[in-house]
């Protein structure tokens, strides 16, 4: 039985991370309040989060981290006009530094014991993408606070890892990028093999696929959720840039070539579906990391960031074919992505136990 720090690892105890499309109990969000993340353009952001809640709540619980009673009142006032199902929105007084719950929120794993499903939380270390945006102490403890509130066991790997840096198919395969996980601003003492060991031990994966670089403007150093995502156990969608003059063209072509040579955990080739990139977006002369890969899969619905009407529709139609039992809903994300992330970056799924 594999052990770390003298204790059995989640994988050794039978835990694994479910795929995002597995049934959810709910979605976790951290309500936005850090105006420095959207300099000069924070005002429209809370309404975008409210729209997410409006679309999610008919399908699953929505759990929202708030800094205190004043923020809770603000959130409820934004949501009141939607007449959402009673009990579907739950506010938690968990103070945060910022809104990027994909990266600081709880990473849930599950196992089967005597025909009953059990859950645990993996609380990776969080350092705001290599110490770029201090302070991050409040964000770093969010998973453990949630575990304590719900009496869920919590594992602490002791290394830095963000939810947006990995994507799993729920059957043993994990996608990530060299640009992020091998960046010395995360875990400088660890090489590729050691990092793979942690992913295997804490998420229960057996097969790890490495892409190269992320997209321009991504301050996370290349999170995979901006480039390539699983949509079922064998299918990935990956963004491609058609214009050879665009600085995203070659990195995304390189990732496409890598995917074409990859297999799943059973040795079967991946089914690869391409998504367009939106036309380049800029704010204050800064290229923004706008990508259709940053969608969020929930019960009954897929939230798609929208940036560019003609290409939005191509992305929507492509994803709708891949998620026939869910409605793919485009939401304008031009203001949100000024914070350098979109809907996947601000959400974290809570898989259902039944």
Protein backbone atom coordinates (compact mmCIF):
# COMPACT_ATOMS: atom_id res chain seq x y z
CA UNK A 1 0.00 0.00 0.00
CA UNK A 2 1.46 3.35 -1.09
CA UNK A 3 2.13 5.79 1.73
CA UNK A 4 3.20 9.42 1.99
CA UNK A 5 4.09 11.12 5.27
CA UNK A 6 3.57 7.73 6.90
CA UNK A 7 -0.10 7.53 5.90
CA UNK A 8 -1.90 5.56 3.17
CA UNK A 9 -2.58 7.71 0.11
CA UNK A 10 -6.08 8.26 -1.31
CA UNK A 11 -5.34 5.92 -4.21
CA UNK A 12 -4.16 3.21 -1.83
CA UNK A 13 -7.45 3.60 0.03
CA UNK A 14 -9.45 3.24 -3.19
CA UNK A 15 -10.23 6.89 -3.92
CA UNK A 16 -10.22 8.44 -7.38
CA UNK A 17 -11.29 11.75 -8.90
CA UNK A 18 -14.53 11.50 -10.91
CA UNK A 19 -14.85 13.19 -14.30
CA UNK A 20 -16.56 16.59 -14.36
CA UNK A 21 -19.56 15.20 -16.25
CA UNK A 22 -20.30 12.65 -13.50
CA UNK A 23 -23.47 13.57 -11.54
CA UNK A 24 -22.98 16.54 -9.21
CA UNK A 25 -24.32 17.24 -5.78
CA UNK A 26 -23.40 20.84 -6.50
CA UNK A 27 -20.99 23.52 -7.63
CA UNK A 28 -18.69 25.59 -5.42
CA UNK A 29 -18.07 29.28 -6.17
CA UNK A 30 -16.11 31.96 -4.30
CA UNK A 31 -17.97 35.25 -4.69
CA UNK A 32 -15.87 37.97 -6.40
CA UNK A 33 -14.74 40.93 -4.31
CA UNK A 34 -11.09 41.56 -5.18
CA UNK A 35 -11.34 44.61 -7.44
CA UNK A 36 -7.63 44.35 -8.26
CA UNK A 37 -8.40 41.23 -10.32
CA UNK A 38 -10.58 43.28 -12.69
CA UNK A 39 -8.88 46.70 -12.59
CA UNK A 40 -11.30 49.43 -13.62
CA UNK A 41 -13.91 46.86 -14.66
CA UNK A 42 -15.12 45.07 -11.55
CA UNK A 43 -18.68 46.42 -11.56
CA UNK A 44 -20.19 43.93 -14.09
CA UNK A 45 -18.53 40.85 -12.56
CA UNK A 46 -20.95 40.00 -9.71
CA UNK A 47 -23.87 40.00 -12.16
CA UNK A 48 -22.01 37.44 -14.30
CA UNK A 49 -21.66 35.19 -11.24
CA UNK A 50 -25.35 35.68 -10.51
CA UNK A 51 -26.17 34.53 -14.04
CA UNK A 52 -24.09 31.40 -13.44
CA UNK A 53 -26.07 30.70 -10.28
CA UNK A 54 -29.35 31.27 -12.12
CA UNK A 55 -28.43 28.67 -14.72
CA UNK A 56 -26.93 26.13 -12.28
CA UNK A 57 -29.46 26.17 -9.43
CA UNK A 58 -32.32 24.44 -11.32
CA UNK A 59 -29.96 21.46 -11.83
CA UNK A 60 -27.87 21.21 -8.65
CA UNK A 61 -26.93 22.91 -5.40
CA UNK A 62 -24.76 26.02 -5.62
CA UNK A 63 -22.44 26.59 -2.66
CA UNK A 64 -20.95 30.07 -2.42
CA UNK A 65 -18.03 31.18 -0.25
CA UNK A 66 -18.65 34.71 1.06
CA UNK A 67 -16.49 36.91 3.28
CA UNK A 68 -19.25 37.67 5.79
CA UNK A 69 -22.85 38.86 6.38
CA UNK A 70 -22.53 42.01 4.27
CA UNK A 71 -21.42 40.10 1.20
CA UNK A 72 -24.08 37.45 1.85
CA UNK A 73 -26.74 40.16 1.77
CA UNK A 74 -25.33 41.53 -1.49
CA UNK A 75 -25.39 38.07 -3.07
CA UNK A 76 -28.95 37.37 -1.98
CA UNK A 77 -30.13 40.72 -3.33
CA UNK A 78 -28.63 39.88 -6.73
CA UNK A 79 -30.23 36.43 -6.76
CA UNK A 80 -33.67 37.36 -5.39
CA UNK A 81 -35.21 38.34 -8.76
CA UNK A 82 -34.46 34.85 -10.15
CA UNK A 83 -36.89 33.03 -7.80
CA UNK A 84 -34.52 30.05 -7.53
CA UNK A 85 -35.53 26.70 -5.98
CA UNK A 86 -35.53 26.88 -2.18
CA UNK A 87 -32.45 25.35 -0.62
CA UNK A 88 -30.49 25.12 -3.85
CA UNK A 89 -28.20 28.08 -3.02
CA UNK A 90 -26.12 27.79 0.17
CA UNK A 91 -23.88 30.59 1.42
CA UNK A 92 -20.81 29.77 3.51
CA UNK A 93 -18.87 32.29 5.57
CA UNK A 94 -15.46 31.25 4.25
CA UNK A 95 -13.38 34.41 3.66
CA UNK A 96 -11.34 34.36 0.46
CA UNK A 97 -8.66 36.45 -1.19
CA UNK A 98 -10.12 36.04 -4.67
CA UNK A 99 -12.72 34.28 -6.81
CA UNK A 100 -10.78 31.52 -8.59
CA UNK A 101 -12.41 28.53 -6.92
CA UNK A 102 -11.19 26.04 -9.53
CA UNK A 103 -7.69 26.54 -8.18
CA UNK A 104 -8.23 27.10 -4.46
CA UNK A 105 -11.42 25.11 -3.93
CA UNK A 106 -11.86 21.50 -2.77
CA UNK A 107 -10.80 18.69 -5.09
CA UNK A 108 -13.22 15.84 -4.37
CA UNK A 109 -12.32 12.17 -4.69
CA UNK A 110 -14.58 9.14 -4.15
CA UNK A 111 -14.45 5.41 -3.44
CA UNK A 112 -16.84 2.48 -3.14
CA UNK A 113 -17.00 0.66 0.21
CA UNK A 114 -19.43 -2.23 0.68
CA UNK A 115 -21.64 -0.92 -2.10
CA UNK A 116 -21.71 2.59 -0.64
CA UNK A 117 -19.90 5.61 -2.08
CA UNK A 118 -17.67 7.71 0.19
CA UNK A 119 -15.95 11.03 -0.46
CA UNK A 120 -12.83 12.86 0.62
CA UNK A 121 -11.14 16.15 -0.24
CA UNK A 122 -7.61 16.66 -1.52
CA UNK A 123 -6.30 19.99 -0.23
CA UNK A 124 -3.38 20.82 -2.48
CA UNK A 125 -1.15 23.73 -1.54
CA UNK A 126 -2.11 27.00 -3.24
CA UNK A 127 0.31 29.87 -3.88
CA UNK A 128 -1.60 32.06 -6.39
CA UNK A 129 0.15 30.66 -9.49
CA UNK A 130 3.69 30.89 -8.26
CA UNK A 131 3.27 33.73 -5.76
CA UNK A 132 2.07 36.21 -8.38
CA UNK A 133 -0.82 37.70 -6.39
CA UNK A 134 -0.33 37.76 -2.62
CA UNK A 135 -1.93 37.42 -0.18
CA UNK A 136 -3.43 33.97 -0.75
CA UNK A 137 -3.57 32.58 2.79
CA UNK A 138 -7.38 32.64 2.99
CA UNK A 139 -7.76 30.86 -0.35
CA UNK A 140 -5.22 28.22 0.65
CA UNK A 141 -7.35 26.91 3.54
CA UNK A 142 -10.74 26.82 1.77
CA UNK A 143 -10.75 23.04 1.10
CA UNK A 144 -9.97 22.20 4.72
CA UNK A 145 -12.66 24.61 5.98
CA UNK A 146 -15.21 22.93 3.71
CA UNK A 147 -14.10 19.50 4.86
CA UNK A 148 -14.53 20.50 8.50
CA UNK A 149 -17.99 21.98 7.86
CA UNK A 150 -19.24 18.79 6.18
CA UNK A 151 -17.18 16.25 8.19
CA UNK A 152 -15.39 15.11 5.03
CA UNK A 153 -11.90 13.60 5.41
CA UNK A 154 -9.16 15.85 4.00
CA UNK A 155 -5.83 14.74 2.55
CA UNK A 156 -2.88 17.17 2.41
CA UNK A 157 -0.32 16.22 -0.26
CA UNK A 158 2.00 19.06 0.76
CA UNK A 159 2.70 20.27 -2.78
CA UNK A 160 1.28 23.10 -4.89
CA UNK A 161 -1.34 22.12 -7.46
CA UNK A 162 -4.29 23.95 -9.03
CA UNK A 163 -7.54 22.46 -10.27
CA UNK A 164 -7.26 24.26 -13.60
CA UNK A 165 -3.92 22.61 -14.29
CA UNK A 166 -5.42 19.14 -14.70
CA UNK A 167 -8.38 17.39 -16.32
CA UNK A 168 -9.45 13.77 -15.82
CA UNK A 169 -11.64 11.34 -17.74
CA UNK A 170 -12.71 9.46 -14.61
CA UNK A 171 -11.34 6.18 -16.01
CA UNK A 172 -7.68 6.63 -15.14
CA UNK A 173 -6.31 9.27 -17.54
CA UNK A 174 -5.24 12.80 -16.62
CA UNK A 175 -4.29 15.69 -18.92
CA UNK A 176 -1.89 18.44 -17.86
CA UNK A 177 0.82 20.74 -19.23
CA UNK A 178 4.57 20.95 -18.89
CA UNK A 179 4.41 24.76 -18.85
CA UNK A 180 2.47 24.76 -15.59
CA UNK A 181 3.37 21.68 -13.58
CA UNK A 182 7.09 21.80 -14.37
CA UNK A 183 7.34 25.54 -13.70
CA UNK A 184 9.86 26.14 -10.88
CA UNK A 185 7.47 28.65 -9.26
CA UNK A 186 5.28 25.76 -8.07
CA UNK A 187 7.30 22.79 -6.80
CA UNK A 188 10.94 23.47 -7.73
CA UNK A 189 12.20 20.41 -5.85
CA UNK A 190 10.05 18.01 -7.87
CA UNK A 191 10.66 16.62 -11.35
CA UNK A 192 8.14 15.14 -13.77
CA UNK A 193 8.29 11.64 -12.27
CA UNK A 194 7.74 12.90 -8.72
CA UNK A 195 4.81 15.08 -9.79
CA UNK A 196 3.26 12.14 -11.63
CA UNK A 197 3.63 10.14 -8.43
CA UNK A 198 1.60 12.69 -6.48
CA UNK A 199 -1.12 12.77 -9.15
CA UNK A 200 -1.36 8.98 -9.11
CA UNK A 201 -1.36 8.76 -5.32
CA UNK A 202 -3.87 11.53 -4.61
CA UNK A 203 -6.24 11.42 -7.59
CA UNK A 204 -6.18 7.70 -8.36
CA UNK A 205 -5.11 8.14 -11.99
CA UNK A 206 -2.92 5.63 -13.81
CA UNK A 207 -2.12 7.34 -17.12
CA UNK A 208 -0.82 10.92 -17.43
CA UNK A 209 -0.72 12.89 -20.68
CA UNK A 210 1.52 15.97 -20.96
CA UNK A 211 0.78 18.84 -23.32
CA UNK A 212 3.21 21.73 -23.83
CA UNK A 213 2.41 25.42 -23.55
CA UNK A 214 -0.82 27.24 -22.78
CA UNK A 215 -2.34 30.26 -24.50
CA UNK A 216 -1.02 33.81 -24.58
CA UNK A 217 -2.22 36.01 -21.74
CA UNK A 218 -2.76 33.11 -19.33
CA UNK A 219 -1.12 34.17 -16.06
CA UNK A 220 -1.39 30.62 -14.68
CA UNK A 221 1.59 29.51 -16.82
CA UNK A 222 -0.47 27.30 -19.10
CA UNK A 223 -3.49 25.74 -17.40
CA UNK A 224 -4.90 22.85 -19.40
CA UNK A 225 -8.49 24.07 -18.91
CA UNK A 226 -7.80 26.85 -21.40
CA UNK A 227 -6.62 24.46 -24.13
CA UNK A 228 -7.80 20.83 -23.94
CA UNK A 229 -10.62 19.10 -22.06
CA UNK A 230 -12.11 15.63 -21.84
CA UNK A 231 -15.78 15.41 -22.83
CA UNK A 232 -16.07 11.65 -22.31
CA UNK A 233 -13.66 8.85 -21.46
CA UNK A 234 -12.05 8.84 -24.92
CA UNK A 235 -12.92 12.24 -26.42
CA UNK A 236 -11.05 15.50 -25.99
CA UNK A 237 -11.83 18.93 -27.35
CA UNK A 238 -8.81 21.08 -28.06
CA UNK A 239 -8.64 24.69 -29.24
CA UNK A 240 -6.82 25.54 -32.46
CA UNK A 241 -5.89 28.90 -33.95
CA UNK A 242 -6.37 29.06 -37.73
CA UNK A 243 -4.23 32.15 -38.35
CA UNK A 244 -0.52 31.23 -38.63
CA UNK A 245 0.36 34.84 -37.78
CA UNK A 246 -1.31 34.62 -34.36
CA UNK A 247 1.05 33.89 -31.48
CA UNK A 248 -1.23 31.09 -30.28
CA UNK A 249 -0.97 29.24 -33.59
CA UNK A 250 2.19 27.22 -33.06
CA UNK A 251 1.73 26.26 -29.38
CA UNK A 252 -1.78 25.01 -30.13
CA UNK A 253 -0.60 23.12 -33.21
CA UNK A 254 2.08 21.49 -31.08
CA UNK A 255 -0.54 20.41 -28.54
CA UNK A 256 -2.73 19.04 -31.34
CA UNK A 257 0.21 17.00 -32.68
CA UNK A 258 0.88 15.63 -29.21
CA UNK A 259 -2.75 14.62 -28.76
CA UNK A 260 -2.72 12.81 -32.11
CA UNK A 261 0.01 10.54 -30.75
CA UNK A 262 -1.62 9.89 -27.38
CA UNK A 263 -3.80 7.06 -26.09
CA UNK A 264 -6.14 6.58 -23.15
CA UNK A 265 -5.46 4.31 -20.18
CA UNK A 266 -6.43 1.27 -22.28
CA UNK A 267 -4.07 2.10 -25.14
CA UNK A 268 -6.87 3.34 -27.40
CA UNK A 269 -6.26 6.50 -29.50
CA UNK A 270 -8.01 9.61 -28.30
CA UNK A 271 -10.93 10.93 -30.30
CA UNK A 272 -9.97 14.56 -30.98
CA UNK A 273 -12.50 17.31 -31.71
CA UNK A 274 -11.28 20.84 -32.38
CA UNK A 275 -12.74 24.12 -31.15
CA UNK A 276 -11.93 27.50 -32.70
CA UNK A 277 -10.24 30.26 -30.78
CA UNK A 278 -12.15 33.54 -30.51
CA UNK A 279 -10.59 36.52 -32.23
CA UNK A 280 -7.89 38.12 -30.11
CA UNK A 281 -9.28 40.17 -27.23
CA UNK A 282 -7.33 42.98 -25.57
CA UNK A 283 -7.88 45.16 -22.52
CA UNK A 284 -5.51 48.06 -21.80
CA UNK A 285 -3.19 46.67 -24.53
CA UNK A 286 -3.04 43.30 -22.76
CA UNK A 287 -3.89 40.09 -24.66
CA UNK A 288 -6.57 38.23 -22.73
CA UNK A 289 -6.71 34.42 -22.37
CA UNK A 290 -10.10 34.07 -24.06
CA UNK A 291 -10.75 30.42 -24.89
CA UNK A 292 -13.79 28.28 -25.56
CA UNK A 293 -12.10 25.41 -23.68
CA UNK A 294 -12.88 27.16 -20.38
CA UNK A 295 -16.44 25.78 -20.24
CA UNK A 296 -18.00 24.24 -17.13
CA UNK A 297 -19.94 20.95 -17.21
CA UNK A 298 -22.84 20.75 -14.73
CA UNK A 299 -25.95 18.60 -14.37
CA UNK A 300 -28.13 19.34 -17.39
CA UNK A 301 -26.15 22.36 -18.58
CA UNK A 302 -22.74 23.40 -19.92
CA UNK A 303 -21.71 27.02 -19.34
CA UNK A 304 -19.75 28.27 -22.35
CA UNK A 305 -17.84 31.57 -22.32
CA UNK A 306 -18.91 33.75 -25.25
CA UNK A 307 -16.63 36.35 -26.82
CA UNK A 308 -17.22 36.58 -30.56
CA UNK A 309 -20.71 35.89 -32.03
CA UNK A 310 -19.80 33.91 -35.17
CA UNK A 311 -17.19 31.77 -33.46
CA UNK A 312 -19.31 31.48 -30.30
CA UNK A 313 -21.93 29.62 -32.34
CA UNK A 314 -19.37 27.23 -33.83
CA UNK A 315 -18.11 26.41 -30.34
CA UNK A 316 -21.64 26.03 -28.98
CA UNK A 317 -22.74 23.71 -31.78
CA UNK A 318 -19.59 21.59 -31.42
CA UNK A 319 -20.06 21.15 -27.69
CA UNK A 320 -23.79 20.55 -28.05
CA UNK A 321 -23.06 17.49 -30.20
CA UNK A 322 -20.68 16.22 -27.52
CA UNK A 323 -23.13 16.84 -24.66
CA UNK A 324 -26.51 15.80 -26.14
CA UNK A 325 -28.19 15.43 -22.73
CA UNK A 326 -27.14 18.90 -21.53
CA UNK A 327 -27.99 22.36 -22.84
CA UNK A 328 -24.88 24.33 -23.87
CA UNK A 329 -25.50 27.93 -22.83
CA UNK A 330 -23.20 30.74 -24.04
CA UNK A 331 -22.73 33.58 -21.54
CA UNK A 332 -20.91 36.78 -22.45
CA UNK A 333 -17.52 36.53 -20.75
CA UNK A 334 -15.73 39.55 -22.23
CA UNK A 335 -15.81 41.39 -18.89
CA UNK A 336 -15.08 38.26 -16.83
CA UNK A 337 -11.96 37.30 -18.80
CA UNK A 338 -10.35 40.66 -17.94
CA UNK A 339 -9.68 38.84 -14.66
CA UNK A 340 -7.72 36.34 -16.83
CA UNK A 341 -10.15 33.46 -16.39
CA UNK A 342 -13.67 32.34 -17.28
CA UNK A 343 -16.37 29.93 -16.07
CA UNK A 344 -14.24 26.86 -15.45
CA UNK A 345 -11.72 28.96 -13.54
CA UNK A 346 -14.32 30.21 -11.06
CA UNK A 347 -16.16 26.92 -10.41
CA UNK A 348 -15.43 23.59 -8.72
CA UNK A 349 -17.71 20.55 -8.97
CA UNK A 350 -18.94 18.59 -5.97
CA UNK A 351 -19.63 15.05 -7.25
CA UNK A 352 -22.78 13.31 -6.03
CA UNK A 353 -22.54 10.25 -3.78
CA UNK A 354 -25.68 8.60 -5.13
